[in-house]
Amino acid sequence: MVRLVGVDLPRNKRVAYALTYIHGIGIKTAKNIIESANISTETRIFELSTEQTILLRKLLENLDLKLEGDLRRFNGLNIKRLNEINCYRGQRHRNSLPVHGQRTRTNARARRGAKKTVTGKKK
């Protein structure tokens, strides 16, 4: 098992796709990282040598990106700031509603949770 930036990477996946398990790294960044490390795109995590693993670790440390805990903390503080200044986006975060202007009459189930049936008004 290879551990980078505090994340255990899955053994049987290709290196580029395994790197996306690190919060803050997408597929494009992962492909750029393995390209700069001269690792084949077909290589899987369990096939990496210790030298390649050390090189990946150094490349991740030298990136100008926030990863894992730092990124989660940064995003959490931004949401907390929006809540404290009581702006519209902060109110939407607080009420667990979509923040970026999506409709909510239908859809938005992932954000609002499962349907809650409300009994109809009798005539």
Protein backbone atom coordinates (compact mmCIF):
# COMPACT_ATOMS: atom_id res chain seq x y z
CA MET A 1 0.00 0.00 0.00
CA VAL A 2 1.38 3.40 -1.02
CA ARG A 3 0.63 6.34 1.25
CA LEU A 4 0.98 9.89 -0.10
CA VAL A 5 -0.10 13.10 1.68
CA GLY A 6 -1.86 11.00 4.33
CA VAL A 7 -3.98 9.02 1.84
CA ASP A 8 -3.70 5.29 1.14
CA LEU A 9 -3.82 4.86 -2.63
CA PRO A 10 -5.63 1.81 -4.10
CA ARG A 11 -3.12 -0.83 -5.20
CA ASN A 12 -4.63 -2.03 -8.47
CA LYS A 13 -5.41 1.30 -10.12
CA ARG A 14 -3.23 3.15 -12.60
CA VAL A 15 -1.09 5.83 -10.98
CA ALA A 16 -2.91 8.79 -12.57
CA TYR A 17 -6.33 7.61 -11.39
CA ALA A 18 -5.06 6.60 -7.96
CA LEU A 19 -3.64 10.12 -7.43
CA THR A 20 -7.15 11.55 -7.83
CA TYR A 21 -8.01 9.94 -4.47
CA ILE A 22 -6.04 12.82 -2.93
CA HIS A 23 -8.39 15.72 -2.23
CA GLY A 24 -7.34 18.61 -4.46
CA ILE A 25 -5.87 16.58 -7.34
CA GLY A 26 -7.94 15.98 -10.46
CA ILE A 27 -7.12 13.81 -13.44
CA LYS A 28 -5.38 16.62 -15.37
CA THR A 29 -3.05 17.47 -12.47
CA ALA A 30 -2.40 13.77 -11.81
CA LYS A 31 -1.39 13.21 -15.44
CA ASN A 32 0.92 16.23 -15.30
CA ILE A 33 2.53 14.86 -12.12
CA ILE A 34 3.25 11.39 -13.54
CA GLU A 35 4.52 12.98 -16.76
CA SER A 36 7.01 15.11 -14.82
CA ALA A 37 8.02 12.02 -12.79
CA ASN A 38 8.65 10.02 -16.02
CA ILE A 39 6.25 7.26 -14.96
CA SER A 40 4.40 5.32 -17.66
CA THR A 41 0.66 5.92 -17.92
CA GLU A 42 0.10 2.15 -17.83
CA THR A 43 1.91 1.68 -14.49
CA ARG A 44 -0.19 0.59 -11.56
CA ILE A 45 0.41 1.56 -7.94
CA PHE A 46 1.70 -1.85 -6.83
CA GLU A 47 4.27 -1.78 -9.67
CA LEU A 48 5.90 1.46 -8.45
CA SER A 49 9.45 1.21 -7.16
CA THR A 50 10.43 2.89 -3.91
CA GLU A 51 12.40 5.51 -5.89
CA GLN A 52 9.31 6.39 -7.92
CA THR A 53 7.20 6.60 -4.77
CA ILE A 54 9.74 8.94 -3.15
CA LEU A 55 9.82 11.06 -6.33
CA LEU A 56 6.00 11.31 -6.32
CA ARG A 57 6.06 12.32 -2.65
CA LYS A 58 8.62 15.09 -3.38
CA LEU A 59 6.64 16.34 -6.39
CA LEU A 60 3.46 16.54 -4.31
CA GLU A 61 5.27 18.48 -1.57
CA ASN A 62 6.66 20.99 -4.09
CA LEU A 63 3.30 21.68 -5.76
CA ASP A 64 1.78 25.12 -5.23
CA LEU A 65 -1.55 23.50 -4.44
CA LYS A 66 -3.39 23.05 -1.19
CA LEU A 67 -4.10 19.35 -0.68
CA GLU A 68 -6.13 17.24 1.71
CA GLY A 69 -6.44 18.80 5.18
CA ASP A 70 -5.24 22.27 4.19
CA LEU A 71 -7.74 22.46 1.31
CA ARG A 72 -10.62 21.14 3.44
CA ARG A 73 -9.77 23.66 6.17
CA PHE A 74 -9.53 26.50 3.62
CA ASN A 75 -12.94 25.65 2.11
CA GLY A 76 -14.53 25.21 5.54
CA LEU A 77 -13.27 28.61 6.68
CA ASN A 78 -14.62 30.24 3.52
CA ILE A 79 -18.07 28.74 4.14
CA LYS A 80 -17.88 29.78 7.79
CA ARG A 81 -17.03 33.34 6.72
CA LEU A 82 -20.02 33.43 4.36
CA ASN A 83 -22.26 32.24 7.21
CA GLU A 84 -20.93 34.84 9.63
CA ILE A 85 -21.41 37.82 7.32
CA ASN A 86 -24.94 36.54 6.66
CA CYS A 87 -24.74 36.92 2.88
CA TYR A 88 -27.09 35.10 0.51
CA ARG A 89 -24.61 32.29 -0.21
CA GLY A 90 -24.06 31.83 3.53
CA GLN A 91 -27.81 31.53 4.11
CA ARG A 92 -28.05 28.90 1.35
CA HIS A 93 -25.19 26.92 2.95
CA ARG A 94 -26.85 27.18 6.35
CA ASN A 95 -30.19 25.88 5.04
CA SER A 96 -28.59 23.06 2.99
CA LEU A 97 -29.91 24.44 -0.30
CA PRO A 98 -28.12 24.86 -3.64
CA VAL A 99 -25.83 27.88 -3.57
CA HIS A 100 -25.29 28.74 -7.23
CA GLY A 101 -28.80 29.63 -8.39
CA GLN A 102 -30.13 26.21 -9.36
CA ARG A 103 -33.87 25.58 -9.22
CA THR A 104 -35.28 23.85 -6.17
CA ARG A 105 -38.97 23.36 -6.95
CA THR A 106 -37.97 20.10 -8.58
CA ASN A 107 -34.52 18.49 -8.44
CA ALA A 108 -31.77 19.44 -5.93
CA ARG A 109 -32.36 16.09 -4.20
CA ALA A 110 -28.69 15.50 -3.42
CA ARG A 111 -28.49 18.77 -1.51
CA ARG A 112 -31.95 18.73 0.13
CA GLY A 113 -32.05 15.06 1.05
CA ALA A 114 -34.75 12.44 0.51
CA LYS A 115 -38.32 13.49 -0.21
CA LYS A 116 -40.48 14.26 2.80
CA THR A 117 -44.13 13.60 1.98
CA VAL A 118 -46.52 16.29 3.16
CA THR A 119 -50.21 15.47 3.41
CA GLY A 120 -52.45 17.39 1.07
CA LYS A 121 -55.07 19.89 2.22
CA LYS A 122 -58.57 18.41 2.46
CA LYS A 123 -61.44 20.27 0.83
